[in-house]
């Protein structure tokens, strides 16, 4: 390789690295700055208006409680995260299967979709006790509640995505005598991926909500248990600390799905930088 070619290659790598750093800075910096501003105003307002901690604790008290009880909160967080991830995976799988069936059979969709919608409109706090009776009071029941809450968005988006293909491309596959499997793998599934990731982003947030709500109903561990016990004892700093941990988990899960989206479908218009 010639020296000027080597230098050109190094420059491209350097520019690429700078671009990645710039993009990450643009994504991460604004939320961090906003968090600091809100925390500062919050801290000042609590001190200025002398708000009692049992009504609204200051960020300093919440952070102090988080540090003091970090072992307990992290242990309970691990249980809730396991329930959320397991329910997300199971619910997303069931939603993808059901959405695919809906896309390929309009009769099946017309027959079953109204009942799926009706089931989704039932409040989780109403369905959770029933699921607890069916699956018991352990972790499997919490996973079942989470899966129930997180399968619906992907089912609808999967159905919409698999039906949103270009008819011209479908004609090309038809002329090429492509099998149904080839049409699914090479044409319909790729075109549905933007819709699929919308459903996954909704599922991943609902999964955390579902796990915590299930723990509200009946649990002796998990973030939902921590929040309920803190509420009953008016330990508001501990309650807010548990809520912040659950919020951080939801943000982390959402960010992981968003990163997977950028890696899997970089060709989609939503992934391109606006010029």
C-alpha atoms as a PDB file:
ATOM      1  CA  UNK A   1       0.000   0.000   0.000  1.00  0.00           C
ATOM      2  CA  UNK A   2       1.309   3.444  -0.930  1.00  0.00           C
ATOM      3  CA  UNK A   3       1.988   5.972   1.893  1.00  0.00           C
ATOM      4  CA  UNK A   4      -0.661   8.392   0.627  1.00  0.00           C
ATOM      5  CA  UNK A   5      -3.230   5.562   0.508  1.00  0.00           C
ATOM      6  CA  UNK A   6      -2.374   4.576   4.091  1.00  0.00           C
ATOM      7  CA  UNK A   7      -2.772   8.175   5.224  1.00  0.00           C
ATOM      8  CA  UNK A   8      -6.087   8.481   3.425  1.00  0.00           C
ATOM      9  CA  UNK A   9      -7.351   5.313   5.129  1.00  0.00           C
ATOM     10  CA  UNK A  10      -6.301   6.607   8.557  1.00  0.00           C
ATOM     11  CA  UNK A  11      -8.074   9.897   7.892  1.00  0.00           C
ATOM     12  CA  UNK A  12     -11.280   8.089   6.977  1.00  0.00           C
ATOM     13  CA  UNK A  13     -11.120   6.042  10.186  1.00  0.00           C
ATOM     14  CA  UNK A  14     -10.462   9.195  12.206  1.00  0.00           C
ATOM     15  CA  UNK A  15     -13.365  11.034  10.578  1.00  0.00           C
ATOM     16  CA  UNK A  16     -15.638   8.067  11.136  1.00  0.00           C
ATOM     17  CA  UNK A  17     -14.674   7.945  14.823  1.00  0.00           C
ATOM     18  CA  UNK A  18     -15.273  11.676  15.204  1.00  0.00           C
ATOM     19  CA  UNK A  19     -18.675  11.298  13.562  1.00  0.00           C
ATOM     20  CA  UNK A  20     -19.651   8.528  15.981  1.00  0.00           C
ATOM     21  CA  UNK A  21     -18.483  10.587  18.972  1.00  0.00           C
ATOM     22  CA  UNK A  22     -20.382  13.635  17.697  1.00  0.00           C
ATOM     23  CA  UNK A  23     -23.586  11.623  17.196  1.00  0.00           C
ATOM     24  CA  UNK A  24     -23.362  10.055  20.649  1.00  0.00           C
ATOM     25  CA  UNK A  25     -22.688  13.464  22.222  1.00  0.00           C
ATOM     26  CA  UNK A  26     -25.726  14.891  20.475  1.00  0.00           C
ATOM     27  CA  UNK A  27     -27.874  11.984  21.692  1.00  0.00           C
ATOM     28  CA  UNK A  28     -26.657  11.863  25.299  1.00  0.00           C
ATOM     29  CA  UNK A  29     -25.806  15.460  26.226  1.00  0.00           C
ATOM     30  CA  UNK A  30     -29.271  17.114  25.986  1.00  0.00           C
ATOM     31  CA  UNK A  31     -31.041  14.614  28.305  1.00  0.00           C
ATOM     32  CA  UNK A  32     -28.199  14.852  30.848  1.00  0.00           C
ATOM     33  CA  UNK A  33     -28.272  18.650  30.819  1.00  0.00           C
ATOM     34  CA  UNK A  34     -32.066  18.638  31.192  1.00  0.00           C
ATOM     35  CA  UNK A  35     -31.818  16.165  34.095  1.00  0.00           C
ATOM     36  CA  UNK A  36     -29.311  18.387  35.896  1.00  0.00           C
ATOM     37  CA  UNK A  37     -31.459  21.504  35.365  1.00  0.00           C
ATOM     38  CA  UNK A  38     -34.634  19.785  36.616  1.00  0.00           C
ATOM     39  CA  UNK A  39     -32.800  18.360  39.643  1.00  0.00           C
ATOM     40  CA  UNK A  40     -31.359  21.785  40.491  1.00  0.00           C
ATOM     41  CA  UNK A  41     -34.745  23.521  40.262  1.00  0.00           C
ATOM     42  CA  UNK A  42     -36.341  20.684  42.235  1.00  0.00           C
ATOM     43  CA  UNK A  43     -33.720  20.917  44.995  1.00  0.00           C
ATOM     44  CA  UNK A  44     -34.148  24.690  45.222  1.00  0.00           C
ATOM     45  CA  UNK A  45     -37.963  24.523  45.277  1.00  0.00           C
ATOM     46  CA  UNK A  46     -38.015  21.936  48.089  1.00  0.00           C
ATOM     47  CA  UNK A  47     -35.626  24.015  50.197  1.00  0.00           C
ATOM     48  CA  UNK A  48     -37.249  27.378  49.411  1.00  0.00           C
ATOM     49  CA  UNK A  49     -40.843  26.285  50.056  1.00  0.00           C
ATOM     50  CA  UNK A  50     -39.840  23.913  52.885  1.00  0.00           C
ATOM     51  CA  UNK A  51     -41.754  20.986  51.412  1.00  0.00           C
ATOM     52  CA  UNK A  52     -41.872  18.025  53.833  1.00  0.00           C
ATOM     53  CA  UNK A  53     -40.002  14.902  52.646  1.00  0.00           C
ATOM     54  CA  UNK A  54     -43.126  12.736  52.901  1.00  0.00           C
ATOM     55  CA  UNK A  55     -44.782  14.965  50.259  1.00  0.00           C
ATOM     56  CA  UNK A  56     -41.839  15.589  47.936  1.00  0.00           C
ATOM     57  CA  UNK A  57     -38.288  14.626  48.920  1.00  0.00           C
ATOM     58  CA  UNK A  58     -35.398  16.566  47.465  1.00  0.00           C
ATOM     59  CA  UNK A  59     -33.086  14.982  44.866  1.00  0.00           C
ATOM     60  CA  UNK A  60     -30.365  15.015  47.516  1.00  0.00           C
ATOM     61  CA  UNK A  61     -32.466  12.911  49.884  1.00  0.00           C
ATOM     62  CA  UNK A  62     -33.406  10.538  47.063  1.00  0.00           C
ATOM     63  CA  UNK A  63     -29.759  10.086  46.071  1.00  0.00           C
ATOM     64  CA  UNK A  64     -28.808   9.590  49.724  1.00  0.00           C
ATOM     65  CA  UNK A  65     -31.460   6.871  50.066  1.00  0.00           C
ATOM     66  CA  UNK A  66     -30.297   5.243  46.834  1.00  0.00           C
ATOM     67  CA  UNK A  67     -26.704   5.120  48.055  1.00  0.00           C
ATOM     68  CA  UNK A  68     -27.692   3.974  51.547  1.00  0.00           C
ATOM     69  CA  UNK A  69     -29.946   1.157  50.298  1.00  0.00           C
ATOM     70  CA  UNK A  70     -28.115   0.399  47.079  1.00  0.00           C
ATOM     71  CA  UNK A  71     -27.580  -3.258  47.929  1.00  0.00           C
ATOM     72  CA  UNK A  72     -31.254  -3.878  48.669  1.00  0.00           C
ATOM     73  CA  UNK A  73     -32.542  -1.814  45.735  1.00  0.00           C
ATOM     74  CA  UNK A  74     -30.145  -3.422  43.271  1.00  0.00           C
ATOM     75  CA  UNK A  75     -31.125  -6.893  44.477  1.00  0.00           C
ATOM     76  CA  UNK A  76     -34.807  -6.134  44.015  1.00  0.00           C
ATOM     77  CA  UNK A  77     -34.037  -4.449  40.685  1.00  0.00           C
ATOM     78  CA  UNK A  78     -32.400  -7.613  39.382  1.00  0.00           C
ATOM     79  CA  UNK A  79     -35.586  -9.573  40.034  1.00  0.00           C
ATOM     80  CA  UNK A  80     -37.786  -6.997  38.303  1.00  0.00           C
ATOM     81  CA  UNK A  81     -35.428  -6.758  35.326  1.00  0.00           C
ATOM     82  CA  UNK A  82     -35.423 -10.535  34.939  1.00  0.00           C
ATOM     83  CA  UNK A  83     -39.227 -10.541  34.917  1.00  0.00           C
ATOM     84  CA  UNK A  84     -39.325  -7.639  32.463  1.00  0.00           C
ATOM     85  CA  UNK A  85     -36.794  -9.134  30.031  1.00  0.00           C
ATOM     86  CA  UNK A  86     -38.389 -12.586  30.155  1.00  0.00           C
ATOM     87  CA  UNK A  87     -41.876 -11.178  29.639  1.00  0.00           C
ATOM     88  CA  UNK A  88     -40.619  -8.941  26.833  1.00  0.00           C
ATOM     89  CA  UNK A  89     -39.056 -11.857  24.967  1.00  0.00           C
ATOM     90  CA  UNK A  90     -42.074 -14.134  25.395  1.00  0.00           C
ATOM     91  CA  UNK A  91     -44.606 -11.415  24.618  1.00  0.00           C
ATOM     92  CA  UNK A  92     -42.664 -10.205  21.577  1.00  0.00           C
ATOM     93  CA  UNK A  93     -42.372 -13.744  20.221  1.00  0.00           C
ATOM     94  CA  UNK A  94     -46.091 -14.386  20.645  1.00  0.00           C
ATOM     95  CA  UNK A  95     -46.882 -10.992  19.144  1.00  0.00           C
ATOM     96  CA  UNK A  96     -44.681 -11.652  16.115  1.00  0.00           C
ATOM     97  CA  UNK A  97     -46.291 -15.058  15.521  1.00  0.00           C
ATOM     98  CA  UNK A  98     -49.807 -13.692  15.909  1.00  0.00           C
ATOM     99  CA  UNK A  99     -49.060 -10.655  13.731  1.00  0.00           C
ATOM    100  CA  UNK A 100     -47.668 -12.892  10.988  1.00  0.00           C
ATOM    101  CA  UNK A 101     -50.787 -15.062  11.105  1.00  0.00           C
ATOM    102  CA  UNK A 102     -52.964 -11.951  10.896  1.00  0.00           C
ATOM    103  CA  UNK A 103     -50.999 -10.679   7.894  1.00  0.00           C
ATOM    104  CA  UNK A 104     -51.347 -13.918   5.935  1.00  0.00           C
ATOM    105  CA  UNK A 105     -54.987 -14.650   6.783  1.00  0.00           C
ATOM    106  CA  UNK A 106     -57.501 -11.817   6.708  1.00  0.00           C
ATOM    107  CA  UNK A 107     -60.242 -14.199   7.846  1.00  0.00           C
ATOM    108  CA  UNK A 108     -58.183 -15.197  10.877  1.00  0.00           C
ATOM    109  CA  UNK A 109     -57.462 -11.529  11.644  1.00  0.00           C
ATOM    110  CA  UNK A 110     -61.103 -10.529  11.315  1.00  0.00           C
ATOM    111  CA  UNK A 111     -62.153 -13.423  13.547  1.00  0.00           C
ATOM    112  CA  UNK A 112     -59.596 -13.027  16.351  1.00  0.00           C
ATOM    113  CA  UNK A 113     -58.406  -9.404  16.274  1.00  0.00           C
ATOM    114  CA  UNK A 114     -61.523  -7.956  18.007  1.00  0.00           C
ATOM    115  CA  UNK A 115     -60.944 -10.288  20.951  1.00  0.00           C
ATOM    116  CA  UNK A 116     -57.248  -9.416  21.085  1.00  0.00           C
ATOM    117  CA  UNK A 117     -58.173  -5.724  21.174  1.00  0.00           C
ATOM    118  CA  UNK A 118     -60.774  -6.398  23.868  1.00  0.00           C
ATOM    119  CA  UNK A 119     -58.217  -8.264  25.980  1.00  0.00           C
ATOM    120  CA  UNK A 120     -55.761  -5.395  25.600  1.00  0.00           C
ATOM    121  CA  UNK A 121     -58.321  -2.876  26.888  1.00  0.00           C
ATOM    122  CA  UNK A 122     -58.686  -4.743  30.191  1.00  0.00           C
ATOM    123  CA  UNK A 123     -56.733  -2.866  32.904  1.00  0.00           C
ATOM    124  CA  UNK A 124     -53.622  -4.732  33.948  1.00  0.00           C
ATOM    125  CA  UNK A 125     -54.516  -4.329  37.622  1.00  0.00           C
ATOM    126  CA  UNK A 126     -57.726  -6.253  36.858  1.00  0.00           C
ATOM    127  CA  UNK A 127     -56.148  -9.096  34.873  1.00  0.00           C
ATOM    128  CA  UNK A 128     -53.071  -9.452  37.111  1.00  0.00           C
ATOM    129  CA  UNK A 129     -54.914 -11.144  40.036  1.00  0.00           C
ATOM    130  CA  UNK A 130     -56.423 -13.694  37.631  1.00  0.00           C
ATOM    131  CA  UNK A 131     -53.003 -14.506  36.178  1.00  0.00           C
ATOM    132  CA  UNK A 132     -51.591 -14.779  39.704  1.00  0.00           C
ATOM    133  CA  UNK A 133     -54.265 -17.360  40.546  1.00  0.00           C
ATOM    134  CA  UNK A 134     -53.463 -19.335  37.393  1.00  0.00           C
ATOM    135  CA  UNK A 135     -49.651 -19.239  37.629  1.00  0.00           C
ATOM    136  CA  UNK A 136     -49.134 -18.908  41.375  1.00  0.00           C
ATOM    137  CA  UNK A 137     -47.472 -16.173  43.395  1.00  0.00           C
ATOM    138  CA  UNK A 138     -43.921 -16.657  42.160  1.00  0.00           C
ATOM    139  CA  UNK A 139     -41.887 -15.116  39.360  1.00  0.00           C
ATOM    140  CA  UNK A 140     -43.674 -17.044  36.530  1.00  0.00           C
ATOM    141  CA  UNK A 141     -46.906 -15.138  37.206  1.00  0.00           C
ATOM    142  CA  UNK A 142     -45.050 -11.797  36.981  1.00  0.00           C
ATOM    143  CA  UNK A 143     -43.523 -12.890  33.673  1.00  0.00           C
ATOM    144  CA  UNK A 144     -46.987 -13.889  32.412  1.00  0.00           C
ATOM    145  CA  UNK A 145     -48.444 -10.470  33.275  1.00  0.00           C
ATOM    146  CA  UNK A 146     -45.512  -8.780  31.543  1.00  0.00           C
ATOM    147  CA  UNK A 147     -45.893 -10.940  28.441  1.00  0.00           C
ATOM    148  CA  UNK A 148     -49.639 -10.248  28.359  1.00  0.00           C
ATOM    149  CA  UNK A 149     -49.014  -6.505  28.436  1.00  0.00           C
ATOM    150  CA  UNK A 150     -46.201  -6.468  25.877  1.00  0.00           C
ATOM    151  CA  UNK A 151     -47.412  -8.736  23.058  1.00  0.00           C
ATOM    152  CA  UNK A 152     -50.164  -6.529  21.616  1.00  0.00           C
ATOM    153  CA  UNK A 153     -48.102  -3.643  20.117  1.00  0.00           C
ATOM    154  CA  UNK A 154     -45.825  -5.977  18.174  1.00  0.00           C
ATOM    155  CA  UNK A 155     -48.755  -8.077  16.931  1.00  0.00           C
ATOM    156  CA  UNK A 156     -50.402  -5.051  15.337  1.00  0.00           C
ATOM    157  CA  UNK A 157     -47.178  -3.588  13.962  1.00  0.00           C
ATOM    158  CA  UNK A 158     -46.066  -6.959  12.591  1.00  0.00           C
ATOM    159  CA  UNK A 159     -49.370  -7.343  10.777  1.00  0.00           C
ATOM    160  CA  UNK A 160     -49.164  -3.803   9.378  1.00  0.00           C
ATOM    161  CA  UNK A 161     -45.535  -4.201   8.353  1.00  0.00           C
ATOM    162  CA  UNK A 162     -45.995  -7.534   6.555  1.00  0.00           C
ATOM    163  CA  UNK A 163     -48.881  -6.051   4.586  1.00  0.00           C
ATOM    164  CA  UNK A 164     -46.945  -2.880   3.680  1.00  0.00           C
ATOM    165  CA  UNK A 165     -44.854  -4.181   0.809  1.00  0.00           C
ATOM    166  CA  UNK A 166     -44.284  -2.741  -2.654  1.00  0.00           C
ATOM    167  CA  UNK A 167     -46.634  -4.467  -5.154  1.00  0.00           C
ATOM    168  CA  UNK A 168     -44.083  -3.984  -7.937  1.00  0.00           C
ATOM    169  CA  UNK A 169     -41.445  -5.883  -5.963  1.00  0.00           C
ATOM    170  CA  UNK A 170     -44.005  -8.580  -5.226  1.00  0.00           C
ATOM    171  CA  UNK A 171     -44.640  -8.903  -8.978  1.00  0.00           C
ATOM    172  CA  UNK A 172     -40.905  -9.343  -9.539  1.00  0.00           C
ATOM    173  CA  UNK A 173     -40.817 -12.187  -6.997  1.00  0.00           C
ATOM    174  CA  UNK A 174     -43.886 -13.704  -8.627  1.00  0.00           C
ATOM    175  CA  UNK A 175     -42.301 -13.594 -12.098  1.00  0.00           C
ATOM    176  CA  UNK A 176     -39.138 -15.132 -10.644  1.00  0.00           C
ATOM    177  CA  UNK A 177     -41.237 -18.040  -9.307  1.00  0.00           C
ATOM    178  CA  UNK A 178     -40.132 -17.331  -5.742  1.00  0.00           C
ATOM    179  CA  UNK A 179     -41.614 -19.537  -3.060  1.00  0.00           C
ATOM    180  CA  UNK A 180     -43.730 -18.157  -0.230  1.00  0.00           C
ATOM    181  CA  UNK A 181     -40.807 -18.633   2.144  1.00  0.00           C
ATOM    182  CA  UNK A 182     -38.467 -16.673  -0.166  1.00  0.00           C
ATOM    183  CA  UNK A 183     -41.025 -13.880  -0.463  1.00  0.00           C
ATOM    184  CA  UNK A 184     -41.334 -13.747   3.318  1.00  0.00           C
ATOM    185  CA  UNK A 185     -37.607 -13.781   4.092  1.00  0.00           C
ATOM    186  CA  UNK A 186     -36.339 -11.589   1.245  1.00  0.00           C
ATOM    187  CA  UNK A 187     -39.205  -9.159   0.704  1.00  0.00           C
ATOM    188  CA  UNK A 188     -42.018  -9.001   3.260  1.00  0.00           C
ATOM    189  CA  UNK A 189     -39.960  -9.376   6.442  1.00  0.00           C
ATOM    190  CA  UNK A 190     -37.331  -6.728   5.536  1.00  0.00           C
ATOM    191  CA  UNK A 191     -40.051  -4.252   4.554  1.00  0.00           C
ATOM    192  CA  UNK A 192     -41.801  -4.858   7.880  1.00  0.00           C
ATOM    193  CA  UNK A 193     -38.749  -4.220  10.086  1.00  0.00           C
ATOM    194  CA  UNK A 194     -39.414  -0.479  10.654  1.00  0.00           C
ATOM    195  CA  UNK A 195     -42.874  -1.379  11.950  1.00  0.00           C
ATOM    196  CA  UNK A 196     -41.445  -4.239  14.000  1.00  0.00           C
ATOM    197  CA  UNK A 197     -39.032  -1.944  15.819  1.00  0.00           C
ATOM    198  CA  UNK A 198     -41.844   0.476  16.628  1.00  0.00           C
ATOM    199  CA  UNK A 199     -43.656  -2.430  18.285  1.00  0.00           C
ATOM    200  CA  UNK A 200     -40.504  -3.554  20.100  1.00  0.00           C
ATOM    201  CA  UNK A 201     -39.916  -0.057  21.490  1.00  0.00           C
ATOM    202  CA  UNK A 202     -43.440  -0.036  22.880  1.00  0.00           C
ATOM    203  CA  UNK A 203     -43.061  -3.578  24.220  1.00  0.00           C
ATOM    204  CA  UNK A 204     -39.829  -2.838  26.017  1.00  0.00           C
ATOM    205  CA  UNK A 205     -41.376   0.009  28.006  1.00  0.00           C
ATOM    206  CA  UNK A 206     -44.572  -1.924  28.719  1.00  0.00           C
ATOM    207  CA  UNK A 207     -42.504  -4.847  29.988  1.00  0.00           C
ATOM    208  CA  UNK A 208     -41.075  -2.808  32.877  1.00  0.00           C
ATOM    209  CA  UNK A 209     -44.529  -1.423  33.668  1.00  0.00           C
ATOM    210  CA  UNK A 210     -46.067  -4.907  33.588  1.00  0.00           C
ATOM    211  CA  UNK A 211     -43.469  -6.395  35.923  1.00  0.00           C
ATOM    212  CA  UNK A 212     -43.872  -3.627  38.502  1.00  0.00           C
ATOM    213  CA  UNK A 213     -47.697  -3.698  38.367  1.00  0.00           C
ATOM    214  CA  UNK A 214     -47.658  -7.465  38.865  1.00  0.00           C
ATOM    215  CA  UNK A 215     -45.448  -6.947  41.924  1.00  0.00           C
ATOM    216  CA  UNK A 216     -47.926  -4.367  43.237  1.00  0.00           C
ATOM    217  CA  UNK A 217     -50.650  -7.024  43.346  1.00  0.00           C
ATOM    218  CA  UNK A 218     -48.663  -9.643  45.230  1.00  0.00           C
ATOM    219  CA  UNK A 219     -44.919  -9.963  45.750  1.00  0.00           C
ATOM    220  CA  UNK A 220     -42.299 -10.180  48.447  1.00  0.00           C
ATOM    221  CA  UNK A 221     -39.459  -8.940  46.238  1.00  0.00           C
ATOM    222  CA  UNK A 222     -38.874  -6.687  43.252  1.00  0.00           C
ATOM    223  CA  UNK A 223     -39.116  -2.942  42.671  1.00  0.00           C
ATOM    224  CA  UNK A 224     -42.905  -3.037  42.902  1.00  0.00           C
ATOM    225  CA  UNK A 225     -42.582  -4.572  46.367  1.00  0.00           C
ATOM    226  CA  UNK A 226     -40.068  -1.882  47.348  1.00  0.00           C
ATOM    227  CA  UNK A 227     -42.372   0.900  46.125  1.00  0.00           C
ATOM    228  CA  UNK A 228     -45.416  -0.480  47.974  1.00  0.00           C
ATOM    229  CA  UNK A 229     -43.574  -1.048  51.278  1.00  0.00           C
ATOM    230  CA  UNK A 230     -42.009   2.424  51.060  1.00  0.00           C
ATOM    231  CA  UNK A 231     -45.447   3.926  50.430  1.00  0.00           C
ATOM    232  CA  UNK A 232     -46.975   2.164  53.436  1.00  0.00           C
ATOM    233  CA  UNK A 233     -44.194   3.435  55.714  1.00  0.00           C
ATOM    234  CA  UNK A 234     -44.108   6.900  54.075  1.00  0.00           C
ATOM    235  CA  UNK A 235     -40.449   6.399  53.190  1.00  0.00           C
ATOM    236  CA  UNK A 236     -40.745   8.666  50.172  1.00  0.00           C
ATOM    237  CA  UNK A 237     -37.004   8.989  49.388  1.00  0.00           C
ATOM    238  CA  UNK A 238     -36.759   5.190  49.060  1.00  0.00           C
ATOM    239  CA  UNK A 239     -39.939   5.143  46.953  1.00  0.00           C
ATOM    240  CA  UNK A 240     -38.572   7.781  44.580  1.00  0.00           C
ATOM    241  CA  UNK A 241     -35.211   5.978  44.421  1.00  0.00           C
ATOM    242  CA  UNK A 242     -36.960   2.771  43.331  1.00  0.00           C
ATOM    243  CA  UNK A 243     -38.974   4.696  40.734  1.00  0.00           C
ATOM    244  CA  UNK A 244     -35.825   6.298  39.322  1.00  0.00           C
ATOM    245  CA  UNK A 245     -34.156   2.899  39.038  1.00  0.00           C
ATOM    246  CA  UNK A 246     -37.171   1.518  37.154  1.00  0.00           C
ATOM    247  CA  UNK A 247     -37.168   4.565  34.877  1.00  0.00           C
ATOM    248  CA  UNK A 248     -33.449   4.126  34.207  1.00  0.00           C
ATOM    249  CA  UNK A 249     -34.059   0.460  33.342  1.00  0.00           C
ATOM    250  CA  UNK A 250     -36.772   1.454  30.878  1.00  0.00           C
ATOM    251  CA  UNK A 251     -34.503   4.012  29.241  1.00  0.00           C
ATOM    252  CA  UNK A 252     -31.680   1.467  28.996  1.00  0.00           C
ATOM    253  CA  UNK A 253     -33.925  -1.159  27.388  1.00  0.00           C
ATOM    254  CA  UNK A 254     -35.321   1.392  24.943  1.00  0.00           C
ATOM    255  CA  UNK A 255     -31.790   2.530  24.031  1.00  0.00           C
ATOM    256  CA  UNK A 256     -30.703  -1.066  23.371  1.00  0.00           C
ATOM    257  CA  UNK A 257     -33.642  -1.620  21.019  1.00  0.00           C
ATOM    258  CA  UNK A 258     -32.901   1.687  19.287  1.00  0.00           C
ATOM    259  CA  UNK A 259     -29.255   0.667  18.820  1.00  0.00           C
ATOM    260  CA  UNK A 260     -30.343  -2.670  17.354  1.00  0.00           C
ATOM    261  CA  UNK A 261     -32.633  -0.763  14.997  1.00  0.00           C
ATOM    262  CA  UNK A 262     -29.790   1.472  13.791  1.00  0.00           C
ATOM    263  CA  UNK A 263     -27.598  -1.597  13.231  1.00  0.00           C
ATOM    264  CA  UNK A 264     -30.200  -3.798  11.493  1.00  0.00           C
ATOM    265  CA  UNK A 265     -32.006  -1.254   9.276  1.00  0.00           C
ATOM    266  CA  UNK A 266     -29.516   1.560   8.604  1.00  0.00           C
ATOM    267  CA  UNK A 267     -31.019   1.843   5.112  1.00  0.00           C
ATOM    268  CA  UNK A 268     -34.378   3.123   6.358  1.00  0.00           C
ATOM    269  CA  UNK A 269     -35.141   6.833   5.959  1.00  0.00           C
ATOM    270  CA  UNK A 270     -35.711   7.271   9.712  1.00  0.00           C
ATOM    271  CA  UNK A 271     -32.099   6.186  10.347  1.00  0.00           C
ATOM    272  CA  UNK A 272     -30.580   8.753   8.003  1.00  0.00           C
ATOM    273  CA  UNK A 273     -29.428  12.089   9.261  1.00  0.00           C
ATOM    274  CA  UNK A 274     -31.573  14.989   8.145  1.00  0.00           C
ATOM    275  CA  UNK A 275     -29.670  17.117   5.738  1.00  0.00           C
END
